[in-house]
């Protein structure tokens, strides 16, 4: 029996650019800008990882909208709600990893240049405080403004994927149901940290095969001239995102 789909909202602008890389957070910065067809990402400090994206998705969906500040604020006595949203068992180890990621999202500078017409320079979280064990995280208001153009991501599928699979799943979720891309285009938007493009092609095929097996993709085909065609399954996700704007 197929598991129930659990849909969460995710800004399509962020889903089309290499803001979160399928790797562990490196100790050295990426010196060159990461350029793809939908914009450029610059990491003046250390790059963000897909695990940080998992945490961001949890904060955006577990936090509450604040009309005064025009953004989402997560304020809880613990990080257990985030852990459960990420399909992780609350524990000291999980709490430590999530806290490290929250700090990265608050402290690591990023610059988005013409990302689908969106420009940004700063940190994903504008504020973060821990007082007497209670955690308060504030999503930057410009990032929060992207939530009106969100697409749905299926958490039950995402949790079964590798970091590269998660990046690909997010990328395809933020594009039309049926489309074709050059493999180089997908590489630049999903995993530019993987320098060997010939190796990425084999990884891509494995991830596409898994996404079809999980019934995210209806079908796909590796075409001539380095192109990939895909068709997603038609989902029954709501046509309006959780913040009330038509996607």
C-alpha atoms as a PDB file:
ATOM      1  CA  UNK A   1       0.000   0.000   0.000  1.00  0.00           C
ATOM      2  CA  UNK A   2       1.318   3.424  -0.948  1.00  0.00           C
ATOM      3  CA  UNK A   3       2.036   5.701   1.994  1.00  0.00           C
ATOM      4  CA  UNK A   4      -0.082   8.797   2.472  1.00  0.00           C
ATOM      5  CA  UNK A   5       1.468  11.821   0.851  1.00  0.00           C
ATOM      6  CA  UNK A   6       2.478  14.614   3.195  1.00  0.00           C
ATOM      7  CA  UNK A   7       2.811  17.836   1.241  1.00  0.00           C
ATOM      8  CA  UNK A   8       4.770  20.901   2.353  1.00  0.00           C
ATOM      9  CA  UNK A   9       5.192  24.261   0.679  1.00  0.00           C
ATOM     10  CA  UNK A  10       8.560  25.338  -0.744  1.00  0.00           C
ATOM     11  CA  UNK A  11       9.420  28.534  -2.678  1.00  0.00           C
ATOM     12  CA  UNK A  12       9.906  27.667  -6.343  1.00  0.00           C
ATOM     13  CA  UNK A  13      12.648  30.311  -6.675  1.00  0.00           C
ATOM     14  CA  UNK A  14      14.830  28.532  -4.096  1.00  0.00           C
ATOM     15  CA  UNK A  15      14.020  25.148  -5.605  1.00  0.00           C
ATOM     16  CA  UNK A  16      15.558  26.007  -8.968  1.00  0.00           C
ATOM     17  CA  UNK A  17      18.978  27.224  -7.819  1.00  0.00           C
ATOM     18  CA  UNK A  18      21.955  25.542  -6.071  1.00  0.00           C
ATOM     19  CA  UNK A  19      21.429  27.200  -2.693  1.00  0.00           C
ATOM     20  CA  UNK A  20      21.628  23.887  -0.805  1.00  0.00           C
ATOM     21  CA  UNK A  21      24.305  21.492  -2.011  1.00  0.00           C
ATOM     22  CA  UNK A  22      24.146  17.678  -1.753  1.00  0.00           C
ATOM     23  CA  UNK A  23      27.204  17.376   0.454  1.00  0.00           C
ATOM     24  CA  UNK A  24      28.294  17.890   4.025  1.00  0.00           C
ATOM     25  CA  UNK A  25      28.991  21.478   4.976  1.00  0.00           C
ATOM     26  CA  UNK A  26      32.606  22.093   4.007  1.00  0.00           C
ATOM     27  CA  UNK A  27      35.137  23.854   6.159  1.00  0.00           C
ATOM     28  CA  UNK A  28      36.445  25.877   3.231  1.00  0.00           C
ATOM     29  CA  UNK A  29      34.427  28.340   1.115  1.00  0.00           C
ATOM     30  CA  UNK A  30      33.494  27.863  -2.527  1.00  0.00           C
ATOM     31  CA  UNK A  31      35.423  30.632  -4.243  1.00  0.00           C
ATOM     32  CA  UNK A  32      33.599  30.636  -7.579  1.00  0.00           C
ATOM     33  CA  UNK A  33      29.949  31.713  -7.993  1.00  0.00           C
ATOM     34  CA  UNK A  34      27.566  28.840  -8.760  1.00  0.00           C
ATOM     35  CA  UNK A  35      25.813  29.758 -11.989  1.00  0.00           C
ATOM     36  CA  UNK A  36      22.752  27.992 -13.371  1.00  0.00           C
ATOM     37  CA  UNK A  37      19.981  28.857 -15.832  1.00  0.00           C
ATOM     38  CA  UNK A  38      17.830  30.402 -13.085  1.00  0.00           C
ATOM     39  CA  UNK A  39      20.377  32.576 -11.340  1.00  0.00           C
ATOM     40  CA  UNK A  40      23.674  32.733  -9.479  1.00  0.00           C
ATOM     41  CA  UNK A  41      24.493  31.734  -5.907  1.00  0.00           C
ATOM     42  CA  UNK A  42      27.535  33.138  -4.099  1.00  0.00           C
ATOM     43  CA  UNK A  43      28.763  31.805  -0.745  1.00  0.00           C
ATOM     44  CA  UNK A  44      31.099  34.391   0.852  1.00  0.00           C
ATOM     45  CA  UNK A  45      31.422  32.059   3.852  1.00  0.00           C
ATOM     46  CA  UNK A  46      30.804  28.305   3.844  1.00  0.00           C
ATOM     47  CA  UNK A  47      28.164  26.732   1.570  1.00  0.00           C
ATOM     48  CA  UNK A  48      24.845  25.442   2.866  1.00  0.00           C
ATOM     49  CA  UNK A  49      23.961  21.741   2.601  1.00  0.00           C
ATOM     50  CA  UNK A  50      20.798  19.772   1.792  1.00  0.00           C
ATOM     51  CA  UNK A  51      20.466  18.934   5.502  1.00  0.00           C
ATOM     52  CA  UNK A  52      20.151  22.679   6.137  1.00  0.00           C
ATOM     53  CA  UNK A  53      17.356  22.699   3.561  1.00  0.00           C
ATOM     54  CA  UNK A  54      15.573  19.951   5.511  1.00  0.00           C
ATOM     55  CA  UNK A  55      15.754  22.165   8.587  1.00  0.00           C
ATOM     56  CA  UNK A  56      14.571  25.239   6.660  1.00  0.00           C
ATOM     57  CA  UNK A  57      11.556  23.338   5.298  1.00  0.00           C
ATOM     58  CA  UNK A  58      10.709  22.241   8.841  1.00  0.00           C
ATOM     59  CA  UNK A  59      10.952  25.804  10.175  1.00  0.00           C
ATOM     60  CA  UNK A  60       8.798  27.205   7.355  1.00  0.00           C
ATOM     61  CA  UNK A  61       6.101  24.623   7.984  1.00  0.00           C
ATOM     62  CA  UNK A  62       6.240  24.384  11.799  1.00  0.00           C
ATOM     63  CA  UNK A  63       6.591  28.122  12.426  1.00  0.00           C
ATOM     64  CA  UNK A  64       3.755  30.616  12.490  1.00  0.00           C
ATOM     65  CA  UNK A  65       3.151  33.619  10.266  1.00  0.00           C
ATOM     66  CA  UNK A  66       3.588  36.953  12.057  1.00  0.00           C
ATOM     67  CA  UNK A  67       1.653  39.812  10.445  1.00  0.00           C
ATOM     68  CA  UNK A  68       3.645  42.452  12.330  1.00  0.00           C
ATOM     69  CA  UNK A  69       7.032  41.341  11.008  1.00  0.00           C
ATOM     70  CA  UNK A  70       5.710  39.897   7.756  1.00  0.00           C
ATOM     71  CA  UNK A  71       7.537  36.623   8.120  1.00  0.00           C
ATOM     72  CA  UNK A  72       7.511  33.189   9.760  1.00  0.00           C
ATOM     73  CA  UNK A  73       8.686  32.790  13.346  1.00  0.00           C
ATOM     74  CA  UNK A  74       9.394  29.452  14.980  1.00  0.00           C
ATOM     75  CA  UNK A  75       9.211  29.681  18.775  1.00  0.00           C
ATOM     76  CA  UNK A  76       9.133  26.516  20.849  1.00  0.00           C
ATOM     77  CA  UNK A  77      10.573  25.130  24.073  1.00  0.00           C
ATOM     78  CA  UNK A  78      12.479  22.473  22.124  1.00  0.00           C
ATOM     79  CA  UNK A  79      13.433  21.377  18.633  1.00  0.00           C
ATOM     80  CA  UNK A  80      11.298  18.231  18.793  1.00  0.00           C
ATOM     81  CA  UNK A  81       8.682  19.624  16.388  1.00  0.00           C
ATOM     82  CA  UNK A  82      11.394  20.231  13.779  1.00  0.00           C
ATOM     83  CA  UNK A  83      12.818  16.749  14.317  1.00  0.00           C
ATOM     84  CA  UNK A  84       9.442  15.099  13.851  1.00  0.00           C
ATOM     85  CA  UNK A  85       8.771  17.171  10.739  1.00  0.00           C
ATOM     86  CA  UNK A  86      12.087  15.944   9.341  1.00  0.00           C
ATOM     87  CA  UNK A  87      11.018  12.360  10.145  1.00  0.00           C
ATOM     88  CA  UNK A  88      13.771  12.098  12.762  1.00  0.00           C
ATOM     89  CA  UNK A  89      13.429  10.600  16.231  1.00  0.00           C
ATOM     90  CA  UNK A  90      13.975  13.369  18.808  1.00  0.00           C
ATOM     91  CA  UNK A  91      17.271  12.726  20.594  1.00  0.00           C
ATOM     92  CA  UNK A  92      20.329  14.578  21.849  1.00  0.00           C
ATOM     93  CA  UNK A  93      22.185  13.795  18.617  1.00  0.00           C
ATOM     94  CA  UNK A  94      19.289  15.008  16.435  1.00  0.00           C
ATOM     95  CA  UNK A  95      18.934  18.165  18.517  1.00  0.00           C
ATOM     96  CA  UNK A  96      22.657  18.901  18.151  1.00  0.00           C
ATOM     97  CA  UNK A  97      22.553  18.468  14.360  1.00  0.00           C
ATOM     98  CA  UNK A  98      19.460  20.639  13.975  1.00  0.00           C
ATOM     99  CA  UNK A  99      20.951  23.344  16.205  1.00  0.00           C
ATOM    100  CA  UNK A 100      24.151  23.384  14.132  1.00  0.00           C
ATOM    101  CA  UNK A 101      22.049  23.781  11.002  1.00  0.00           C
ATOM    102  CA  UNK A 102      19.954  26.581  12.522  1.00  0.00           C
ATOM    103  CA  UNK A 103      23.168  28.422  13.382  1.00  0.00           C
ATOM    104  CA  UNK A 104      24.448  27.951   9.832  1.00  0.00           C
ATOM    105  CA  UNK A 105      21.212  29.364   8.393  1.00  0.00           C
ATOM    106  CA  UNK A 106      21.509  32.320  10.760  1.00  0.00           C
ATOM    107  CA  UNK A 107      25.233  33.017  10.359  1.00  0.00           C
ATOM    108  CA  UNK A 108      26.352  31.957   6.875  1.00  0.00           C
ATOM    109  CA  UNK A 109      26.038  34.727   4.301  1.00  0.00           C
ATOM    110  CA  UNK A 110      24.539  33.959   0.898  1.00  0.00           C
ATOM    111  CA  UNK A 111      24.006  36.090  -2.179  1.00  0.00           C
ATOM    112  CA  UNK A 112      21.394  35.315  -4.818  1.00  0.00           C
ATOM    113  CA  UNK A 113      21.811  37.197  -8.091  1.00  0.00           C
ATOM    114  CA  UNK A 114      18.871  37.385 -10.501  1.00  0.00           C
ATOM    115  CA  UNK A 115      17.404  34.130  -9.188  1.00  0.00           C
ATOM    116  CA  UNK A 116      14.228  34.118 -11.306  1.00  0.00           C
ATOM    117  CA  UNK A 117      14.341  37.910 -10.938  1.00  0.00           C
ATOM    118  CA  UNK A 118      14.972  37.751  -7.176  1.00  0.00           C
ATOM    119  CA  UNK A 119      18.065  39.302  -5.595  1.00  0.00           C
ATOM    120  CA  UNK A 120      19.165  38.765  -2.020  1.00  0.00           C
ATOM    121  CA  UNK A 121      22.225  39.257   0.152  1.00  0.00           C
ATOM    122  CA  UNK A 122      22.264  38.201   3.782  1.00  0.00           C
ATOM    123  CA  UNK A 123      21.397  35.191   5.920  1.00  0.00           C
ATOM    124  CA  UNK A 124      18.346  32.969   5.511  1.00  0.00           C
ATOM    125  CA  UNK A 125      17.344  33.614   9.137  1.00  0.00           C
ATOM    126  CA  UNK A 126      17.365  37.238  10.267  1.00  0.00           C
ATOM    127  CA  UNK A 127      17.434  36.336  13.955  1.00  0.00           C
ATOM    128  CA  UNK A 128      17.884  33.364  16.245  1.00  0.00           C
ATOM    129  CA  UNK A 129      17.801  33.275  20.030  1.00  0.00           C
ATOM    130  CA  UNK A 130      18.031  30.536  22.626  1.00  0.00           C
ATOM    131  CA  UNK A 131      16.759  31.605  26.056  1.00  0.00           C
ATOM    132  CA  UNK A 132      16.362  29.117  28.906  1.00  0.00           C
ATOM    133  CA  UNK A 133      16.206  26.273  26.405  1.00  0.00           C
ATOM    134  CA  UNK A 134      13.489  27.910  24.298  1.00  0.00           C
ATOM    135  CA  UNK A 135      14.366  28.510  20.652  1.00  0.00           C
ATOM    136  CA  UNK A 136      13.157  31.416  18.520  1.00  0.00           C
ATOM    137  CA  UNK A 137      14.029  31.566  14.833  1.00  0.00           C
ATOM    138  CA  UNK A 138      12.958  34.354  12.464  1.00  0.00           C
ATOM    139  CA  UNK A 139      12.915  33.773   8.703  1.00  0.00           C
ATOM    140  CA  UNK A 140      14.263  36.728   6.720  1.00  0.00           C
ATOM    141  CA  UNK A 141      11.280  38.741   5.464  1.00  0.00           C
ATOM    142  CA  UNK A 142      12.559  38.782   1.852  1.00  0.00           C
ATOM    143  CA  UNK A 143      12.856  34.986   1.868  1.00  0.00           C
ATOM    144  CA  UNK A 144       9.399  34.796   3.458  1.00  0.00           C
ATOM    145  CA  UNK A 145       8.078  36.915   0.578  1.00  0.00           C
ATOM    146  CA  UNK A 146       8.854  34.028  -1.771  1.00  0.00           C
ATOM    147  CA  UNK A 147       6.349  31.774  -0.022  1.00  0.00           C
ATOM    148  CA  UNK A 148       3.538  33.196  -2.141  1.00  0.00           C
ATOM    149  CA  UNK A 149       5.037  31.291  -5.088  1.00  0.00           C
ATOM    150  CA  UNK A 150       5.441  27.922  -3.441  1.00  0.00           C
ATOM    151  CA  UNK A 151       5.274  24.437  -4.887  1.00  0.00           C
ATOM    152  CA  UNK A 152       4.421  21.278  -3.015  1.00  0.00           C
ATOM    153  CA  UNK A 153       7.067  18.763  -1.966  1.00  0.00           C
ATOM    154  CA  UNK A 154       6.165  15.271  -0.768  1.00  0.00           C
ATOM    155  CA  UNK A 155       8.017  14.606   2.490  1.00  0.00           C
ATOM    156  CA  UNK A 156       7.409  10.852   2.387  1.00  0.00           C
ATOM    157  CA  UNK A 157       9.304  10.677  -0.896  1.00  0.00           C
ATOM    158  CA  UNK A 158      11.994  13.144   0.153  1.00  0.00           C
ATOM    159  CA  UNK A 159      12.920  11.201   3.299  1.00  0.00           C
ATOM    160  CA  UNK A 160      13.755   8.097   1.217  1.00  0.00           C
ATOM    161  CA  UNK A 161      16.275   9.904  -0.993  1.00  0.00           C
ATOM    162  CA  UNK A 162      20.000  10.592  -0.887  1.00  0.00           C
ATOM    163  CA  UNK A 163      21.119  14.234  -0.616  1.00  0.00           C
ATOM    164  CA  UNK A 164      21.509  14.350  -4.421  1.00  0.00           C
ATOM    165  CA  UNK A 165      18.097  12.713  -4.792  1.00  0.00           C
ATOM    166  CA  UNK A 166      16.546  15.304  -2.479  1.00  0.00           C
ATOM    167  CA  UNK A 167      18.086  18.137  -4.511  1.00  0.00           C
ATOM    168  CA  UNK A 168      16.792  16.607  -7.758  1.00  0.00           C
ATOM    169  CA  UNK A 169      13.344  15.918  -6.296  1.00  0.00           C
ATOM    170  CA  UNK A 170      13.075  19.514  -5.106  1.00  0.00           C
ATOM    171  CA  UNK A 171      14.268  20.823  -8.473  1.00  0.00           C
ATOM    172  CA  UNK A 172      11.755  18.779 -10.483  1.00  0.00           C
ATOM    173  CA  UNK A 173       8.959  19.603  -8.023  1.00  0.00           C
ATOM    174  CA  UNK A 174       9.522  23.293  -8.762  1.00  0.00           C
ATOM    175  CA  UNK A 175       9.152  22.850 -12.534  1.00  0.00           C
ATOM    176  CA  UNK A 176       6.265  21.870 -14.836  1.00  0.00           C
ATOM    177  CA  UNK A 177       4.844  18.355 -14.692  1.00  0.00           C
ATOM    178  CA  UNK A 178       6.497  17.480 -18.012  1.00  0.00           C
ATOM    179  CA  UNK A 179       9.668  19.018 -19.407  1.00  0.00           C
ATOM    180  CA  UNK A 180      13.141  18.301 -20.757  1.00  0.00           C
ATOM    181  CA  UNK A 181      16.498  19.666 -19.691  1.00  0.00           C
ATOM    182  CA  UNK A 182      20.090  19.236 -20.740  1.00  0.00           C
ATOM    183  CA  UNK A 183      21.981  17.126 -18.217  1.00  0.00           C
ATOM    184  CA  UNK A 184      24.467  19.991 -17.790  1.00  0.00           C
ATOM    185  CA  UNK A 185      21.563  22.278 -16.891  1.00  0.00           C
ATOM    186  CA  UNK A 186      20.396  19.905 -14.152  1.00  0.00           C
ATOM    187  CA  UNK A 187      23.977  19.449 -12.951  1.00  0.00           C
ATOM    188  CA  UNK A 188      24.507  23.197 -12.556  1.00  0.00           C
ATOM    189  CA  UNK A 189      21.218  23.663 -10.658  1.00  0.00           C
ATOM    190  CA  UNK A 190      21.295  20.537  -8.511  1.00  0.00           C
ATOM    191  CA  UNK A 191      24.846  19.401  -7.802  1.00  0.00           C
ATOM    192  CA  UNK A 192      27.531  21.796  -9.098  1.00  0.00           C
ATOM    193  CA  UNK A 193      29.715  20.585  -6.232  1.00  0.00           C
ATOM    194  CA  UNK A 194      30.110  17.300  -8.104  1.00  0.00           C
ATOM    195  CA  UNK A 195      32.761  18.358 -10.595  1.00  0.00           C
ATOM    196  CA  UNK A 196      32.837  15.233 -12.756  1.00  0.00           C
ATOM    197  CA  UNK A 197      29.855  15.678 -15.055  1.00  0.00           C
ATOM    198  CA  UNK A 198      30.286  12.224 -16.570  1.00  0.00           C
ATOM    199  CA  UNK A 199      29.916  10.742 -13.088  1.00  0.00           C
ATOM    200  CA  UNK A 200      26.895  12.962 -12.397  1.00  0.00           C
ATOM    201  CA  UNK A 201      25.082  11.459 -15.384  1.00  0.00           C
ATOM    202  CA  UNK A 202      25.252   7.978 -13.879  1.00  0.00           C
ATOM    203  CA  UNK A 203      24.144   9.342 -10.491  1.00  0.00           C
ATOM    204  CA  UNK A 204      21.299  11.207 -12.182  1.00  0.00           C
ATOM    205  CA  UNK A 205      20.054   8.050 -13.904  1.00  0.00           C
ATOM    206  CA  UNK A 206      20.027   6.167 -10.599  1.00  0.00           C
ATOM    207  CA  UNK A 207      18.087   8.959  -8.875  1.00  0.00           C
ATOM    208  CA  UNK A 208      15.574   9.185 -11.735  1.00  0.00           C
ATOM    209  CA  UNK A 209      15.064   5.430 -11.540  1.00  0.00           C
ATOM    210  CA  UNK A 210      14.383   5.698  -7.808  1.00  0.00           C
ATOM    211  CA  UNK A 211      11.978   8.619  -8.259  1.00  0.00           C
ATOM    212  CA  UNK A 212      10.040   6.560 -10.777  1.00  0.00           C
ATOM    213  CA  UNK A 213       9.973   3.620  -8.384  1.00  0.00           C
ATOM    214  CA  UNK A 214       8.584   5.909  -5.670  1.00  0.00           C
ATOM    215  CA  UNK A 215       5.887   7.029  -8.144  1.00  0.00           C
ATOM    216  CA  UNK A 216       7.052  10.637  -8.185  1.00  0.00           C
ATOM    217  CA  UNK A 217       7.860  10.289 -11.884  1.00  0.00           C
ATOM    218  CA  UNK A 218       5.481   8.722 -14.342  1.00  0.00           C
ATOM    219  CA  UNK A 219       8.329   8.199 -16.773  1.00  0.00           C
ATOM    220  CA  UNK A 220      11.669   9.590 -17.930  1.00  0.00           C
ATOM    221  CA  UNK A 221      14.023   9.165 -20.847  1.00  0.00           C
ATOM    222  CA  UNK A 222      17.686   9.924 -21.427  1.00  0.00           C
ATOM    223  CA  UNK A 223      17.598  11.444 -24.887  1.00  0.00           C
ATOM    224  CA  UNK A 224      20.296  12.115 -27.442  1.00  0.00           C
ATOM    225  CA  UNK A 225      22.459  15.231 -27.292  1.00  0.00           C
ATOM    226  CA  UNK A 226      22.652  15.093 -23.489  1.00  0.00           C
ATOM    227  CA  UNK A 227      18.984  15.763 -22.716  1.00  0.00           C
ATOM    228  CA  UNK A 228      16.651  14.311 -20.102  1.00  0.00           C
ATOM    229  CA  UNK A 229      12.873  14.216 -20.551  1.00  0.00           C
ATOM    230  CA  UNK A 230      10.626  13.544 -17.571  1.00  0.00           C
ATOM    231  CA  UNK A 231       6.924  13.446 -16.740  1.00  0.00           C
ATOM    232  CA  UNK A 232       5.798  13.663 -13.119  1.00  0.00           C
ATOM    233  CA  UNK A 233       2.819  11.830 -11.750  1.00  0.00           C
ATOM    234  CA  UNK A 234      -0.231  14.102 -11.575  1.00  0.00           C
ATOM    235  CA  UNK A 235      -0.542  14.771  -7.856  1.00  0.00           C
ATOM    236  CA  UNK A 236      -3.610  15.528  -5.822  1.00  0.00           C
ATOM    237  CA  UNK A 237      -1.808  18.190  -3.853  1.00  0.00           C
ATOM    238  CA  UNK A 238      -3.920  21.289  -3.138  1.00  0.00           C
ATOM    239  CA  UNK A 239      -3.673  23.959  -5.816  1.00  0.00           C
ATOM    240  CA  UNK A 240      -3.162  26.607  -3.127  1.00  0.00           C
ATOM    241  CA  UNK A 241      -0.234  26.632  -0.774  1.00  0.00           C
ATOM    242  CA  UNK A 242      -0.513  26.777   2.995  1.00  0.00           C
ATOM    243  CA  UNK A 243       0.021  30.542   3.020  1.00  0.00           C
ATOM    244  CA  UNK A 244      -3.033  31.138   0.858  1.00  0.00           C
ATOM    245  CA  UNK A 245      -1.475  32.223  -2.445  1.00  0.00           C
ATOM    246  CA  UNK A 246      -2.146  30.403  -5.702  1.00  0.00           C
ATOM    247  CA  UNK A 247       0.964  28.514  -6.712  1.00  0.00           C
END
